């Protein structure tokens, strides 16, 4: 049993480090999204007021979505601290607790990803509808739809927690006493 505990502790430390990297990267995405939202709001205050709406929507949705992903990863990481105690009589229950917490974190992250996807669709439609008439219409549509596509791509690729949960494997079997 001590070797199982040592392996479990090493895996938990590796998972904690990986989750810290995930949290940091999503916080960076929050910062980038805030800059996009700020640019959209700045454009909305000028004469070209309608063109900034899709940018502000993409930036705001990116901030909220990436923030939700960062919170989910941080919450999963905090649960790893609760799993310390294999030699305190918890045994395999600690592994079950960590897997359950990761599953809940993946669910929260999925909600954030779905929200970003829906906001990307809305921003693309809003970008086409609110594009100004004239020679710059094509460029305005391209930029707005391009930003919405980047948000949708981020929502599709931001599945770090799901991959980490799969690496944990199935829950350990409970021994019958």
Protein backbone atom coordinates (compact mmCIF):
# COMPACT_ATOMS: atom_id res chain seq x y z
CA UNK A 1 0.00 0.00 0.00
CA UNK A 2 2.84 2.55 0.61
CA UNK A 3 3.98 2.21 -3.01
CA UNK A 4 0.42 2.87 -4.23
CA UNK A 5 0.29 5.95 -2.02
CA UNK A 6 3.64 7.20 -3.40
CA UNK A 7 2.49 6.68 -6.99
CA UNK A 8 -0.80 8.40 -6.24
CA UNK A 9 1.04 11.36 -4.66
CA UNK A 10 3.37 11.68 -7.66
CA UNK A 11 0.42 11.61 -10.06
CA UNK A 12 -1.40 14.18 -7.96
CA UNK A 13 1.62 16.52 -7.97
CA UNK A 14 1.96 16.18 -11.76
CA UNK A 15 -1.75 16.88 -12.18
CA UNK A 16 -1.54 19.93 -9.90
CA UNK A 17 1.30 21.36 -11.99
CA UNK A 18 -0.61 20.75 -15.22
CA UNK A 19 -3.75 22.38 -13.83
CA UNK A 20 -1.72 25.42 -12.77
CA UNK A 21 -0.49 25.79 -16.36
CA UNK A 22 -4.10 25.46 -17.59
CA UNK A 23 -5.31 28.14 -15.15
CA UNK A 24 -2.50 30.49 -16.19
CA UNK A 25 -3.20 30.05 -19.90
CA UNK A 26 -6.91 30.71 -19.45
CA UNK A 27 -6.18 33.82 -17.40
CA UNK A 28 -4.04 35.03 -20.29
CA UNK A 29 -7.01 34.38 -22.59
CA UNK A 30 -9.16 36.50 -20.25
CA UNK A 31 -6.67 39.36 -20.67
CA UNK A 32 -6.62 39.08 -24.47
CA UNK A 33 -10.43 38.93 -24.56
CA UNK A 34 -10.62 42.02 -22.36
CA UNK A 35 -8.48 43.88 -24.90
CA UNK A 36 -10.81 42.81 -27.73
CA UNK A 37 -13.85 43.92 -25.71
CA UNK A 38 -12.15 47.24 -24.94
CA UNK A 39 -11.43 47.80 -28.64
CA UNK A 40 -15.04 47.01 -29.49
CA UNK A 41 -16.33 49.42 -26.89
CA UNK A 42 -13.91 52.12 -28.06
CA UNK A 43 -15.11 51.74 -31.65
CA UNK A 44 -18.72 51.77 -30.46
CA UNK A 45 -18.21 55.28 -29.05
CA UNK A 46 -17.10 56.70 -32.42
CA UNK A 47 -19.12 57.34 -35.54
CA UNK A 48 -18.84 53.72 -36.64
CA UNK A 49 -20.86 52.66 -33.61
CA UNK A 50 -22.40 49.48 -35.00
CA UNK A 51 -19.16 47.84 -36.09
CA UNK A 52 -17.87 47.61 -32.51
CA UNK A 53 -20.80 45.55 -31.24
CA UNK A 54 -19.56 42.16 -32.50
CA UNK A 55 -16.07 42.89 -31.17
CA UNK A 56 -17.45 43.81 -27.75
CA UNK A 57 -19.60 40.67 -27.75
CA UNK A 58 -16.67 38.42 -28.72
CA UNK A 59 -14.43 40.03 -26.10
CA UNK A 60 -17.01 39.81 -23.34
CA UNK A 61 -17.90 36.21 -24.17
CA UNK A 62 -14.21 35.33 -24.34
CA UNK A 63 -13.61 36.90 -20.92
CA UNK A 64 -16.56 35.10 -19.35
CA UNK A 65 -15.80 31.78 -21.05
CA UNK A 66 -12.08 31.77 -20.35
CA UNK A 67 -12.78 32.94 -16.81
CA UNK A 68 -15.18 30.04 -16.33
CA UNK A 69 -12.57 27.62 -17.65
CA UNK A 70 -9.92 29.08 -15.33
CA UNK A 71 -12.26 28.81 -12.33
CA UNK A 72 -13.10 25.21 -13.21
CA UNK A 73 -9.41 24.29 -13.48
CA UNK A 74 -8.58 26.09 -10.24
CA UNK A 75 -11.45 24.36 -8.46
CA UNK A 76 -10.23 20.97 -9.72
CA UNK A 77 -6.71 21.82 -8.58
CA UNK A 78 -7.94 22.76 -5.11
CA UNK A 79 -9.65 19.38 -4.90
CA UNK A 80 -6.30 17.68 -5.20
CA UNK A 81 -5.33 19.16 -1.83
CA UNK A 82 -8.39 17.48 -0.33
CA UNK A 83 -7.14 14.14 -1.67
CA UNK A 84 -4.14 14.11 0.68
CA UNK A 85 -4.68 11.49 3.26
CA UNK A 86 -4.11 8.08 1.78
CA UNK A 87 -2.25 7.01 4.86
CA UNK A 88 -4.89 8.60 7.08
CA UNK A 89 -7.34 5.83 6.29
CA UNK A 90 -8.99 7.28 3.19
CA UNK A 91 -7.48 4.68 0.86
CA UNK A 92 -9.02 4.54 -2.59
CA UNK A 93 -11.76 7.01 -1.65
CA UNK A 94 -9.29 9.85 -2.28
CA UNK A 95 -8.96 8.73 -5.91
CA UNK A 96 -12.74 8.65 -6.25
CA UNK A 97 -13.04 12.14 -4.75
CA UNK A 98 -10.51 13.55 -7.20
CA UNK A 99 -12.22 11.92 -10.17
CA UNK A 100 -15.63 13.21 -9.06
CA UNK A 101 -14.26 16.73 -8.61
CA UNK A 102 -12.62 16.61 -12.05
CA UNK A 103 -15.91 15.46 -13.57
CA UNK A 104 -17.72 18.43 -12.04
CA UNK A 105 -14.97 20.78 -13.23
CA UNK A 106 -15.30 19.35 -16.75
CA UNK A 107 -19.05 20.00 -16.61
CA UNK A 108 -18.50 23.62 -15.58
CA UNK A 109 -15.92 24.04 -18.34
CA UNK A 110 -18.35 22.55 -20.84
CA UNK A 111 -20.97 25.15 -19.90
CA UNK A 112 -18.42 27.91 -20.51
CA UNK A 113 -17.41 26.41 -23.84
CA UNK A 114 -21.02 26.12 -25.00
CA UNK A 115 -21.63 29.73 -23.98
CA UNK A 116 -18.63 30.88 -26.01
CA UNK A 117 -19.85 28.91 -29.02
CA UNK A 118 -23.31 30.46 -28.86
CA UNK A 119 -21.81 33.94 -28.44
CA UNK A 120 -19.57 33.32 -31.46
CA UNK A 121 -22.57 32.48 -33.62
CA UNK A 122 -24.41 35.55 -32.35
CA UNK A 123 -21.40 37.79 -32.98
CA UNK A 124 -20.99 36.48 -36.54
CA UNK A 125 -24.63 37.20 -37.34
CA UNK A 126 -24.42 40.59 -35.63
CA UNK A 127 -21.27 41.38 -37.63
CA UNK A 128 -23.02 40.71 -40.93
CA UNK A 129 -26.18 42.59 -39.95
CA UNK A 130 -24.42 45.62 -38.49
CA UNK A 131 -21.76 46.02 -41.19
CA UNK A 132 -21.78 49.47 -42.75
CA UNK A 133 -22.83 50.02 -46.34
CA UNK A 134 -20.26 50.93 -48.92
CA UNK A 135 -16.77 49.86 -49.82
CA UNK A 136 -15.75 48.87 -46.30
CA UNK A 137 -18.67 46.45 -45.80
CA UNK A 138 -16.69 43.37 -46.87
CA UNK A 139 -13.78 44.22 -44.62
CA UNK A 140 -16.06 44.86 -41.62
CA UNK A 141 -17.81 41.53 -42.17
CA UNK A 142 -14.47 39.73 -42.56
CA UNK A 143 -13.09 41.14 -39.31
CA UNK A 144 -16.26 40.53 -37.29
CA UNK A 145 -16.78 37.01 -38.58
CA UNK A 146 -13.05 36.31 -38.19
CA UNK A 147 -13.14 37.31 -34.52
CA UNK A 148 -16.25 35.18 -34.00
CA UNK A 149 -14.52 32.25 -35.70
CA UNK A 150 -11.51 32.63 -33.39
CA UNK A 151 -13.82 32.56 -30.37
CA UNK A 152 -15.56 29.45 -31.68
CA UNK A 153 -12.19 27.79 -32.35
CA UNK A 154 -11.07 28.61 -28.81
CA UNK A 155 -14.30 27.11 -27.45
CA UNK A 156 -13.73 23.93 -29.46
CA UNK A 157 -10.07 23.50 -28.53
CA UNK A 158 -10.30 24.45 -24.83
CA UNK A 159 -10.76 20.89 -23.61
CA UNK A 160 -7.78 20.56 -21.28
CA UNK A 161 -9.85 19.46 -18.30
CA UNK A 162 -11.58 16.72 -20.30
CA UNK A 163 -8.24 15.34 -21.44
CA UNK A 164 -6.85 15.45 -17.91
CA UNK A 165 -9.92 13.65 -16.59
CA UNK A 166 -9.41 10.91 -19.19
CA UNK A 167 -5.79 10.54 -18.08
CA UNK A 168 -6.98 9.80 -14.55
CA UNK A 169 -8.58 6.63 -15.89
CA UNK A 170 -11.53 4.77 -14.45
CA UNK A 171 -12.15 4.92 -10.72
CA UNK A 172 -10.40 2.20 -8.73
CA UNK A 173 -12.40 -0.85 -7.78
CA UNK A 174 -13.54 -1.06 -4.22
CA UNK A 175 -12.41 -4.13 -2.38
CA UNK A 176 -15.04 -6.21 -0.66
CA UNK A 177 -14.23 -6.92 2.95
